């Protein structure tokens, strides 16, 4: 009985952190939906955690950075223009 209580408590803690219960990843549809245009990199990282991969391109008049998050077949990409969210894409809701 005690083991069930401990397991239940662990599930509640992970759920409260908006993490995938099975993988512990912060890449969830709810977290993805919190990302909005104009957010800073720090704000995105607080919600989704560190990116799986990053790519930065200097476009002369602005800097474009894309952060990609992956968890198995699921992904989210957040594109920053001059360090603010400009766009995002995912397959989480599909």
N, C-alpha and C. Protein backbone atom coordinates (compact mmCIF):
# COMPACT_ATOMS: atom_id res chain seq x y z
N UNK A 1 0.82 -1.19 0.00
CA UNK A 1 0.00 0.00 0.00
C UNK A 1 0.86 1.25 0.00
N UNK A 2 1.98 1.20 0.75
CA UNK A 2 2.87 2.35 0.84
C UNK A 2 3.51 2.64 -0.52
N UNK A 3 3.83 1.59 -1.28
CA UNK A 3 4.44 1.77 -2.59
C UNK A 3 3.47 2.47 -3.52
N UNK A 4 2.21 2.12 -3.47
CA UNK A 4 1.19 2.77 -4.30
C UNK A 4 1.09 4.25 -3.96
N UNK A 5 1.14 4.57 -2.68
CA UNK A 5 1.07 5.97 -2.26
C UNK A 5 2.26 6.76 -2.76
N UNK A 6 3.45 6.18 -2.68
CA UNK A 6 4.66 6.84 -3.17
C UNK A 6 4.59 7.04 -4.68
N UNK A 7 4.14 6.03 -5.41
CA UNK A 7 4.01 6.13 -6.86
C UNK A 7 2.99 7.20 -7.23
N UNK A 8 1.88 7.24 -6.54
CA UNK A 8 0.86 8.24 -6.80
C UNK A 8 1.40 9.65 -6.55
N UNK A 9 2.14 9.82 -5.46
CA UNK A 9 2.74 11.12 -5.14
C UNK A 9 3.73 11.54 -6.22
N UNK A 10 4.51 10.60 -6.73
CA UNK A 10 5.47 10.91 -7.80
C UNK A 10 4.75 11.35 -9.07
N UNK A 11 3.65 10.69 -9.40
CA UNK A 11 2.86 11.07 -10.58
C UNK A 11 2.30 12.47 -10.41
N UNK A 12 1.80 12.79 -9.24
CA UNK A 12 1.27 14.13 -8.99
C UNK A 12 2.35 15.20 -9.13
N UNK A 13 3.54 14.93 -8.63
CA UNK A 13 4.64 15.89 -8.73
C UNK A 13 4.99 16.12 -10.19
N UNK A 14 5.13 15.04 -10.97
CA UNK A 14 5.45 15.19 -12.38
C UNK A 14 4.34 15.91 -13.14
N UNK A 15 3.11 15.61 -12.83
CA UNK A 15 1.99 16.26 -13.50
C UNK A 15 1.96 17.76 -13.17
N UNK A 16 2.30 18.11 -11.96
CA UNK A 16 2.30 19.51 -11.55
C UNK A 16 3.37 20.29 -12.30
N UNK A 17 4.42 19.63 -12.73
CA UNK A 17 5.51 20.27 -13.47
C UNK A 17 5.24 20.32 -14.96
N UNK A 18 4.06 19.89 -15.41
CA UNK A 18 3.72 19.82 -16.83
C UNK A 18 4.76 19.04 -17.61
N UNK A 19 5.06 17.85 -17.13
CA UNK A 19 6.01 16.96 -17.78
C UNK A 19 5.27 15.74 -18.28
N UNK A 20 5.82 15.12 -19.31
CA UNK A 20 5.32 13.85 -19.78
C UNK A 20 5.57 12.83 -18.69
N UNK A 21 4.54 12.19 -18.20
CA UNK A 21 4.67 11.28 -17.06
C UNK A 21 5.60 10.11 -17.37
N UNK A 22 5.59 9.63 -18.60
CA UNK A 22 6.41 8.48 -18.96
C UNK A 22 7.89 8.84 -19.17
N UNK A 23 8.16 9.98 -19.82
CA UNK A 23 9.55 10.32 -20.15
C UNK A 23 10.14 11.40 -19.26
N UNK A 24 9.31 12.16 -18.58
CA UNK A 24 9.81 13.27 -17.76
C UNK A 24 10.08 14.52 -18.58
N UNK A 25 9.81 14.47 -19.88
CA UNK A 25 10.06 15.59 -20.78
C UNK A 25 9.06 16.72 -20.52
N UNK A 26 9.53 17.96 -20.67
CA UNK A 26 8.64 19.12 -20.57
C UNK A 26 7.94 19.41 -21.90
N UNK A 27 8.23 18.61 -22.92
CA UNK A 27 7.63 18.81 -24.23
C UNK A 27 6.23 18.23 -24.23
N UNK A 28 5.28 19.05 -23.79
CA UNK A 28 3.87 18.68 -23.77
C UNK A 28 3.07 19.72 -24.55
N UNK A 29 1.89 19.33 -24.99
CA UNK A 29 1.04 20.26 -25.75
C UNK A 29 0.66 21.48 -24.90
N UNK A 30 0.39 21.25 -23.61
CA UNK A 30 0.05 22.36 -22.72
C UNK A 30 1.21 23.34 -22.60
N UNK A 31 2.42 22.84 -22.41
CA UNK A 31 3.58 23.72 -22.32
C UNK A 31 3.82 24.44 -23.64
N UNK A 32 3.72 23.72 -24.75
CA UNK A 32 3.90 24.33 -26.08
C UNK A 32 2.93 25.50 -26.27
N UNK A 33 1.69 25.32 -25.84
CA UNK A 33 0.68 26.37 -26.00
C UNK A 33 0.96 27.61 -25.15
N UNK A 34 1.82 27.49 -24.14
CA UNK A 34 2.20 28.65 -23.33
C UNK A 34 3.19 29.57 -24.04
N UNK A 35 3.86 29.06 -25.08
CA UNK A 35 4.85 29.84 -25.81
C UNK A 35 4.12 30.82 -26.72
N UNK A 36 4.43 32.11 -26.58
CA UNK A 36 3.78 33.13 -27.39
C UNK A 36 4.82 34.04 -28.04
N UNK A 37 4.41 34.67 -29.13
CA UNK A 37 5.26 35.60 -29.85
C UNK A 37 5.76 36.69 -28.90
N UNK A 38 7.06 37.00 -29.02
CA UNK A 38 7.65 38.06 -28.21
C UNK A 38 8.33 37.58 -26.94
N UNK A 39 8.13 36.31 -26.57
CA UNK A 39 8.78 35.79 -25.35
C UNK A 39 10.30 35.74 -25.55
N UNK A 40 11.01 35.85 -24.45
CA UNK A 40 12.47 35.75 -24.48
C UNK A 40 12.90 34.29 -24.47
N UNK A 41 14.17 34.06 -24.78
CA UNK A 41 14.72 32.70 -24.72
C UNK A 41 14.63 32.15 -23.30
N UNK A 42 14.88 33.00 -22.31
CA UNK A 42 14.81 32.56 -20.91
C UNK A 42 13.41 32.10 -20.55
N UNK A 43 12.39 32.81 -21.02
CA UNK A 43 11.01 32.44 -20.73
C UNK A 43 10.66 31.09 -21.37
N UNK A 44 11.12 30.88 -22.61
CA UNK A 44 10.85 29.62 -23.30
C UNK A 44 11.57 28.47 -22.59
N UNK A 45 12.81 28.70 -22.20
CA UNK A 45 13.57 27.66 -21.53
C UNK A 45 12.96 27.30 -20.18
N UNK A 46 12.36 28.28 -19.51
CA UNK A 46 11.71 28.01 -18.24
C UNK A 46 10.51 27.07 -18.43
N UNK A 47 9.83 27.21 -19.55
CA UNK A 47 8.64 26.39 -19.83
C UNK A 47 9.01 25.02 -20.41
N UNK A 48 9.87 25.01 -21.43
CA UNK A 48 10.17 23.76 -22.14
C UNK A 48 11.50 23.13 -21.75
N UNK A 49 12.32 23.84 -20.99
CA UNK A 49 13.64 23.32 -20.64
C UNK A 49 14.63 23.60 -21.75
N UNK A 50 15.84 23.04 -21.63
CA UNK A 50 16.85 23.27 -22.67
C UNK A 50 16.48 22.56 -23.97
N UNK A 51 16.79 23.19 -25.09
CA UNK A 51 16.48 22.62 -26.40
C UNK A 51 17.33 21.39 -26.68
N UNK A 52 16.78 20.48 -27.48
CA UNK A 52 17.52 19.31 -27.92
C UNK A 52 18.63 19.72 -28.89
N UNK A 53 18.32 20.69 -29.77
CA UNK A 53 19.32 21.22 -30.70
C UNK A 53 19.00 22.67 -31.01
N UNK A 54 20.03 23.41 -31.45
CA UNK A 54 19.88 24.84 -31.76
C UNK A 54 20.63 25.16 -33.05
N UNK A 55 20.09 26.13 -33.79
CA UNK A 55 20.75 26.62 -34.99
C UNK A 55 20.57 28.14 -35.05
N UNK A 56 21.67 28.85 -35.29
CA UNK A 56 21.61 30.31 -35.38
C UNK A 56 22.16 30.75 -36.72
N UNK A 57 21.45 31.68 -37.36
CA UNK A 57 21.88 32.27 -38.63
C UNK A 57 21.88 33.78 -38.49
N UNK A 58 22.96 34.40 -38.92
CA UNK A 58 23.03 35.86 -38.93
C UNK A 58 22.50 36.33 -40.27
N UNK A 59 21.34 36.98 -40.24
CA UNK A 59 20.67 37.41 -41.47
C UNK A 59 20.99 38.87 -41.81
N UNK A 60 22.09 39.39 -41.35
CA UNK A 60 22.60 40.75 -41.52
C UNK A 60 21.77 41.77 -40.74
N UNK A 61 20.48 41.87 -41.01
CA UNK A 61 19.68 42.86 -40.28
C UNK A 61 19.04 42.29 -39.01
N UNK A 62 19.07 40.97 -38.86
CA UNK A 62 18.59 40.35 -37.63
C UNK A 62 19.23 38.98 -37.48
N UNK A 63 19.15 38.45 -36.28
CA UNK A 63 19.67 37.11 -35.99
C UNK A 63 18.48 36.16 -35.83
N UNK A 64 18.54 35.04 -36.54
CA UNK A 64 17.48 34.03 -36.47
C UNK A 64 18.03 32.79 -35.79
N UNK A 65 17.37 32.39 -34.69
CA UNK A 65 17.77 31.20 -33.95
C UNK A 65 16.59 30.25 -33.86
N UNK A 66 16.82 28.98 -34.14
CA UNK A 66 15.77 27.98 -34.03
C UNK A 66 16.17 26.96 -32.97
N UNK A 67 15.30 26.78 -32.00
CA UNK A 67 15.47 25.76 -30.97
C UNK A 67 14.53 24.62 -31.32
N UNK A 68 15.05 23.41 -31.34
CA UNK A 68 14.24 22.23 -31.62
C UNK A 68 14.20 21.34 -30.38
N UNK A 69 13.01 20.92 -30.03
CA UNK A 69 12.77 20.01 -28.90
C UNK A 69 12.26 18.70 -29.47
N UNK A 70 12.82 17.59 -29.01
CA UNK A 70 12.38 16.29 -29.49
C UNK A 70 12.17 15.34 -28.32
N UNK A 71 11.13 14.52 -28.43
CA UNK A 71 10.83 13.47 -27.46
C UNK A 71 10.25 12.31 -28.26
N UNK A 72 11.10 11.39 -28.66
CA UNK A 72 10.65 10.30 -29.54
C UNK A 72 10.29 10.88 -30.89
N UNK A 73 9.07 10.59 -31.36
CA UNK A 73 8.60 11.12 -32.65
C UNK A 73 7.99 12.50 -32.54
N UNK A 74 7.81 12.98 -31.33
CA UNK A 74 7.20 14.30 -31.12
C UNK A 74 8.27 15.38 -31.17
N UNK A 75 7.90 16.54 -31.72
CA UNK A 75 8.85 17.64 -31.78
C UNK A 75 8.14 18.99 -31.64
N UNK A 76 8.91 19.98 -31.29
CA UNK A 76 8.47 21.36 -31.34
C UNK A 76 9.68 22.18 -31.77
N UNK A 77 9.44 23.18 -32.60
CA UNK A 77 10.50 24.09 -33.03
C UNK A 77 10.05 25.50 -32.69
N UNK A 78 10.94 26.25 -32.05
CA UNK A 78 10.65 27.64 -31.70
C UNK A 78 11.70 28.50 -32.39
N UNK A 79 11.25 29.46 -33.20
CA UNK A 79 12.15 30.33 -33.92
C UNK A 79 12.16 31.72 -33.29
N UNK A 80 13.36 32.20 -33.03
CA UNK A 80 13.55 33.51 -32.42
C UNK A 80 14.11 34.47 -33.46
N UNK A 81 13.62 35.68 -33.45
CA UNK A 81 14.17 36.76 -34.26
C UNK A 81 14.69 37.79 -33.27
N UNK A 82 16.00 38.02 -33.30
CA UNK A 82 16.65 38.91 -32.34
C UNK A 82 16.28 38.54 -30.90
N UNK A 83 16.35 37.24 -30.60
CA UNK A 83 16.18 36.70 -29.25
C UNK A 83 14.76 36.79 -28.69
N UNK A 84 13.76 37.00 -29.55
CA UNK A 84 12.35 36.96 -29.14
C UNK A 84 11.61 35.98 -30.03
N UNK A 85 10.64 35.24 -29.46
CA UNK A 85 9.89 34.26 -30.25
C UNK A 85 9.21 34.95 -31.42
N UNK A 86 9.47 34.40 -32.62
CA UNK A 86 8.88 34.92 -33.84
C UNK A 86 7.84 33.94 -34.39
N UNK A 87 8.12 32.62 -34.23
CA UNK A 87 7.18 31.61 -34.70
C UNK A 87 7.46 30.29 -33.99
N UNK A 88 6.53 29.34 -34.17
CA UNK A 88 6.70 28.02 -33.57
C UNK A 88 5.97 27.00 -34.43
N UNK A 89 6.39 25.74 -34.29
CA UNK A 89 5.77 24.65 -35.04
C UNK A 89 5.89 23.37 -34.21
N UNK A 90 4.94 22.47 -34.37
CA UNK A 90 4.96 21.22 -33.62
C UNK A 90 4.10 20.16 -34.30
N UNK A 91 4.28 18.92 -33.86
CA UNK A 91 3.37 17.85 -34.26
C UNK A 91 2.70 17.26 -33.02
N UNK A 92 2.75 17.98 -31.90
CA UNK A 92 2.20 17.49 -30.63
C UNK A 92 0.69 17.28 -30.68
N UNK A 93 -0.03 18.10 -31.38
CA UNK A 93 -1.49 18.00 -31.40
C UNK A 93 -2.01 17.10 -32.49
N UNK A 94 -1.14 16.44 -33.20
CA UNK A 94 -1.56 15.61 -34.35
C UNK A 94 -1.63 14.17 -33.98
